[in-house]
C-alpha atoms as a PDB file:
ATOM      1  CA  MET A   1      -8.926 -41.553 -32.718  1.00  0.00           C
ATOM      2  CA  PRO A   2     -11.012 -38.773 -31.104  1.00  0.00           C
ATOM      3  CA  ASP A   3      -9.282 -39.417 -27.744  1.00  0.00           C
ATOM      4  CA  THR A   4      -5.823 -38.802 -29.220  1.00  0.00           C
ATOM      5  CA  LEU A   5      -7.068 -35.620 -30.935  1.00  0.00           C
ATOM      6  CA  LYS A   6      -8.539 -34.423 -27.650  1.00  0.00           C
ATOM      7  CA  GLN A   7      -5.304 -35.209 -25.783  1.00  0.00           C
ATOM      8  CA  LYS A   8      -3.294 -33.391 -28.447  1.00  0.00           C
ATOM      9  CA  GLN A   9      -5.541 -30.322 -28.128  1.00  0.00           C
ATOM     10  CA  GLN A  10      -5.192 -30.382 -24.340  1.00  0.00           C
ATOM     11  CA  GLN A  11      -1.413 -30.634 -24.631  1.00  0.00           C
ATOM     12  CA  GLU A  12      -1.316 -27.730 -27.095  1.00  0.00           C
ATOM     13  CA  TYR A  13      -3.496 -25.705 -24.756  1.00  0.00           C
ATOM     14  CA  GLN A  14      -1.205 -26.460 -21.787  1.00  0.00           C
ATOM     15  CA  ASN A  15       1.810 -25.376 -23.856  1.00  0.00           C
ATOM     16  CA  TYR A  16       0.008 -22.165 -24.819  1.00  0.00           C
ATOM     17  CA  ILE A  17      -0.796 -21.444 -21.162  1.00  0.00           C
ATOM     18  CA  LYS A  18       2.872 -21.913 -20.210  1.00  0.00           C
ATOM     19  CA  GLU A  19       3.911 -19.473 -22.960  1.00  0.00           C
ATOM     20  CA  VAL A  20       1.531 -16.644 -22.070  1.00  0.00           C
ATOM     21  CA  THR A  21       1.607 -16.934 -18.269  1.00  0.00           C
ATOM     22  CA  PRO A  22       4.159 -14.506 -16.840  1.00  0.00           C
ATOM     23  CA  THR A  23       6.725 -16.025 -14.535  1.00  0.00           C
ATOM     24  CA  HIS A  24       7.571 -14.312 -11.269  1.00  0.00           C
ATOM     25  CA  SER A  25      10.502 -14.802  -9.009  1.00  0.00           C
ATOM     26  CA  LEU A  26       9.401 -14.635  -5.385  1.00  0.00           C
ATOM     27  CA  ALA A  27      12.945 -13.977  -4.182  1.00  0.00           C
ATOM     28  CA  LEU A  28      13.387 -11.078  -6.632  1.00  0.00           C
ATOM     29  CA  ALA A  29      10.006  -9.592  -5.686  1.00  0.00           C
ATOM     30  CA  MET A  30      10.905  -9.800  -2.001  1.00  0.00           C
ATOM     31  CA  CYS A  31      14.272  -8.137  -2.616  1.00  0.00           C
ATOM     32  CA  LYS A  32      12.651  -5.318  -4.603  1.00  0.00           C
ATOM     33  CA  ALA A  33      10.049  -4.786  -1.863  1.00  0.00           C
ATOM     34  CA  PHE A  34      12.739  -4.795   0.832  1.00  0.00           C
ATOM     35  CA  VAL A  35      14.943  -2.304  -1.007  1.00  0.00           C
ATOM     36  CA  THR A  36      12.059  -0.005  -1.970  1.00  0.00           C
ATOM     37  CA  GLY A  37      10.535   0.010   1.516  1.00  0.00           C
ATOM     38  CA  GLY A  38      14.002   0.437   2.984  1.00  0.00           C
ATOM     39  CA  ILE A  39      14.698   3.490   0.830  1.00  0.00           C
ATOM     40  CA  ILE A  40      11.390   5.047   1.924  1.00  0.00           C
ATOM     41  CA  CYS A  41      12.308   4.383   5.561  1.00  0.00           C
ATOM     42  CA  VAL A  42      15.804   5.832   5.073  1.00  0.00           C
ATOM     43  CA  ILE A  43      14.243   8.995   3.620  1.00  0.00           C
ATOM     44  CA  GLY A  44      11.989   9.134   6.678  1.00  0.00           C
ATOM     45  CA  GLN A  45      14.979   8.719   8.986  1.00  0.00           C
ATOM     46  CA  LEU A  46      16.823  11.486   7.156  1.00  0.00           C
ATOM     47  CA  ILE A  47      13.830  13.783   7.682  1.00  0.00           C
ATOM     48  CA  LEU A  48      13.766  12.857  11.391  1.00  0.00           C
ATOM     49  CA  SER A  49      17.491  13.492  11.754  1.00  0.00           C
ATOM     50  CA  PHE A  50      17.256  16.809   9.923  1.00  0.00           C
ATOM     51  CA  GLY A  51      14.376  17.835  12.187  1.00  0.00           C
ATOM     52  CA  SER A  52      16.483  17.007  15.224  1.00  0.00           C
ATOM     53  CA  THR A  53      19.346  19.154  13.940  1.00  0.00           C
ATOM     54  CA  LEU A  54      16.883  22.029  13.597  1.00  0.00           C
ATOM     55  CA  GLY A  55      16.129  21.701  17.314  1.00  0.00           C
ATOM     56  CA  LEU A  56      12.760  19.938  17.038  1.00  0.00           C
ATOM     57  CA  ASP A  57      11.811  17.464  19.736  1.00  0.00           C
ATOM     58  CA  GLN A  58      11.275  13.813  18.723  1.00  0.00           C
ATOM     59  CA  GLN A  59       7.474  14.046  18.523  1.00  0.00           C
ATOM     60  CA  THR A  60       7.463  17.225  16.418  1.00  0.00           C
ATOM     61  CA  ALA A  61      10.155  15.843  14.103  1.00  0.00           C
ATOM     62  CA  GLY A  62       8.079  12.661  13.723  1.00  0.00           C
ATOM     63  CA  SER A  63       5.004  14.689  12.840  1.00  0.00           C
ATOM     64  CA  TRP A  64       6.932  16.626  10.214  1.00  0.00           C
ATOM     65  CA  CYS A  65       8.368  13.374   8.874  1.00  0.00           C
ATOM     66  CA  SER A  66       4.899  11.858   8.449  1.00  0.00           C
ATOM     67  CA  LEU A  67       3.574  15.044   6.886  1.00  0.00           C
ATOM     68  CA  LEU A  68       6.411  15.315   4.386  1.00  0.00           C
ATOM     69  CA  LEU A  69       6.275  11.620   3.420  1.00  0.00           C
ATOM     70  CA  VAL A  70       2.527  11.876   2.794  1.00  0.00           C
ATOM     71  CA  LEU A  71       3.009  15.082   0.790  1.00  0.00           C
ATOM     72  CA  CYS A  72       5.750  13.500  -1.345  1.00  0.00           C
ATOM     73  CA  SER A  73       3.596  10.416  -1.915  1.00  0.00           C
ATOM     74  CA  VAL A  74       0.606  12.469  -3.039  1.00  0.00           C
ATOM     75  CA  ILE A  75       2.752  14.618  -5.347  1.00  0.00           C
ATOM     76  CA  LEU A  76       4.401  11.536  -6.868  1.00  0.00           C
ATOM     77  CA  THR A  77       0.948   9.948  -7.287  1.00  0.00           C
ATOM     78  CA  GLY A  78      -0.306  13.075  -9.040  1.00  0.00           C
ATOM     79  CA  PHE A  79       2.575  12.973 -11.507  1.00  0.00           C
ATOM     80  CA  GLY A  80       2.091   9.230 -12.110  1.00  0.00           C
ATOM     81  CA  ILE A  81       5.465   8.294 -10.619  1.00  0.00           C
ATOM     82  CA  TYR A  82       4.298   6.486  -7.471  1.00  0.00           C
ATOM     83  CA  PRO A  83       2.276   3.847  -9.385  1.00  0.00           C
ATOM     84  CA  LYS A  84       5.400   2.996 -11.394  1.00  0.00           C
ATOM     85  CA  LEU A  85       7.389   2.789  -8.174  1.00  0.00           C
ATOM     86  CA  ALA A  86       4.674   0.549  -6.683  1.00  0.00           C
ATOM     87  CA  LYS A  87       4.779  -1.708  -9.733  1.00  0.00           C
ATOM     88  CA  PHE A  88       8.511  -2.139  -9.215  1.00  0.00           C
ATOM     89  CA  GLY A  89       8.638  -2.281  -5.403  1.00  0.00           C
ATOM     90  CA  GLY A  90       5.368  -4.077  -4.677  1.00  0.00           C
ATOM     91  CA  ALA A  91       4.576  -4.275  -0.972  1.00  0.00           C
ATOM     92  CA  GLY A  92       7.630  -2.173  -0.198  1.00  0.00           C
ATOM     93  CA  THR A  93       5.684   0.878  -1.359  1.00  0.00           C
ATOM     94  CA  LEU A  94       2.313  -0.189   0.008  1.00  0.00           C
ATOM     95  CA  VAL A  95       3.184  -0.855   3.645  1.00  0.00           C
ATOM     96  CA  PRO A  96       4.633   2.523   4.780  1.00  0.00           C
ATOM     97  CA  ILE A  97       2.503   5.631   5.299  1.00  0.00           C
ATOM     98  CA  THR A  98       3.305   6.623   1.718  1.00  0.00           C
ATOM     99  CA  GLY A  99       1.303   3.669   0.428  1.00  0.00           C
ATOM    100  CA  PHE A 100      -1.736   4.729   2.435  1.00  0.00           C
ATOM    101  CA  ALA A 101      -1.456   8.284   1.084  1.00  0.00           C
ATOM    102  CA  ASN A 102      -1.217   6.865  -2.440  1.00  0.00           C
ATOM    103  CA  SER A 103      -4.338   4.742  -1.882  1.00  0.00           C
ATOM    104  CA  VAL A 104      -6.291   7.859  -0.916  1.00  0.00           C
ATOM    105  CA  ALA A 105      -4.888  10.169  -3.609  1.00  0.00           C
ATOM    106  CA  ALA A 106      -5.100   7.784  -6.576  1.00  0.00           C
ATOM    107  CA  PRO A 107      -8.935   7.455  -6.643  1.00  0.00           C
ATOM    108  CA  ALA A 108      -9.304  11.209  -6.097  1.00  0.00           C
ATOM    109  CA  ILE A 109      -7.133  11.871  -9.137  1.00  0.00           C
ATOM    110  CA  GLU A 110      -8.861   9.177 -11.193  1.00  0.00           C
ATOM    111  CA  TYR A 111     -12.406  10.389 -10.488  1.00  0.00           C
ATOM    112  CA  LYS A 112     -11.828  14.168 -10.477  1.00  0.00           C
ATOM    113  CA  LYS A 113     -13.458  14.449 -13.914  1.00  0.00           C
ATOM    114  CA  GLU A 114     -16.768  13.371 -12.342  1.00  0.00           C
ATOM    115  CA  GLY A 115     -16.801  16.475 -10.138  1.00  0.00           C
ATOM    116  CA  GLN A 116     -16.004  17.488  -6.602  1.00  0.00           C
ATOM    117  CA  VAL A 117     -18.906  15.727  -4.890  1.00  0.00           C
ATOM    118  CA  PHE A 118     -19.711  12.657  -6.991  1.00  0.00           C
ATOM    119  CA  GLY A 119     -16.167  12.133  -8.195  1.00  0.00           C
ATOM    120  CA  ILE A 120     -13.633  13.034  -5.546  1.00  0.00           C
ATOM    121  CA  GLY A 121     -15.987  13.108  -2.559  1.00  0.00           C
ATOM    122  CA  CYS A 122     -17.567   9.721  -3.216  1.00  0.00           C
ATOM    123  CA  LYS A 123     -14.554   7.838  -4.517  1.00  0.00           C
ATOM    124  CA  ILE A 124     -11.643   9.167  -2.455  1.00  0.00           C
ATOM    125  CA  PHE A 125     -11.844   6.358   0.123  1.00  0.00           C
ATOM    126  CA  THR A 126     -12.568   3.555  -2.359  1.00  0.00           C
ATOM    127  CA  ILE A 127      -9.337   1.756  -1.529  1.00  0.00           C
ATOM    128  CA  ALA A 128      -8.454   3.211   1.879  1.00  0.00           C
ATOM    129  CA  GLY A 129     -11.999   3.110   3.270  1.00  0.00           C
ATOM    130  CA  PRO A 130     -12.082  -0.612   4.051  1.00  0.00           C
ATOM    131  CA  VAL A 131      -8.639  -0.358   5.660  1.00  0.00           C
ATOM    132  CA  ILE A 132      -9.854   2.443   7.923  1.00  0.00           C
ATOM    133  CA  LEU A 133     -13.138   0.671   8.682  1.00  0.00           C
ATOM    134  CA  TYR A 134     -11.651  -2.701   9.586  1.00  0.00           C
ATOM    135  CA  GLY A 135      -8.745  -1.094  11.429  1.00  0.00           C
ATOM    136  CA  LEU A 136     -11.125   0.874  13.640  1.00  0.00           C
ATOM    137  CA  PHE A 137     -13.434  -2.099  14.131  1.00  0.00           C
ATOM    138  CA  THR A 138     -10.541  -4.385  15.071  1.00  0.00           C
ATOM    139  CA  SER A 139      -9.229  -1.774  17.504  1.00  0.00           C
ATOM    140  CA  TRP A 140     -12.665  -1.524  19.085  1.00  0.00           C
ATOM    141  CA  VAL A 141     -12.996  -5.314  19.435  1.00  0.00           C
ATOM    142  CA  LEU A 142      -9.507  -5.651  20.941  1.00  0.00           C
ATOM    143  CA  GLY A 143     -10.220  -2.750  23.301  1.00  0.00           C
ATOM    144  CA  LEU A 144     -13.457  -4.408  24.380  1.00  0.00           C
ATOM    145  CA  ILE A 145     -11.673  -7.721  25.013  1.00  0.00           C
ATOM    146  CA  TYR A 146      -8.987  -5.910  27.000  1.00  0.00           C
ATOM    147  CA  TRP A 147     -11.633  -4.051  29.045  1.00  0.00           C
ATOM    148  CA  VAL A 148     -13.526  -7.287  29.817  1.00  0.00           C
ATOM    149  CA  LEU A 149     -10.324  -9.134  30.798  1.00  0.00           C
ATOM    150  CA  LYS A 150      -9.273  -6.229  33.007  1.00  0.00           C
ATOM    151  CA  ALA A 151     -12.746  -6.059  34.637  1.00  0.00           C
ATOM    152  CA  VAL A 152     -12.667  -9.792  35.344  1.00  0.00           C
ATOM    153  CA  GLY A 153      -9.186  -9.486  36.845  1.00  0.00           C
ATOM    154  CA  VAL A 154      -7.265 -11.520  34.299  1.00  0.00           C
ATOM    155  CA  MET A 155      -5.076  -8.577  33.351  1.00  0.00           C
END
């Protein structure tokens, strides 16, 4: 009798888990990310095209594009809009430069009440810091490998 009671409790628990666990559609999430990231890229392309019509060369227009996308991302983060967009678009908002700007601005906004030094200064790179660190380290390692291969004559 105790075995059947235990099995019944396990079955009830499994049913409860199925009820409370949110279901996600991978295909829908991928579509949302694609559309959201695509819209960000289209906005960037529009900025580039507008810069070209103003007579800017490609490099200057690209610099202005990056600057304006970062500025828009930080402003939208400050108003609490970018996190809602990120919740909808997922990786589509995290991959472009706007996602990196959001990852720097969000901790600064969150910890501003702790002061300029201990709040913003210490916490601003909480999320982006590891990305910068490992990106630089990986670049250094790959550069070292390239240098060694070139010195040996492989490349």
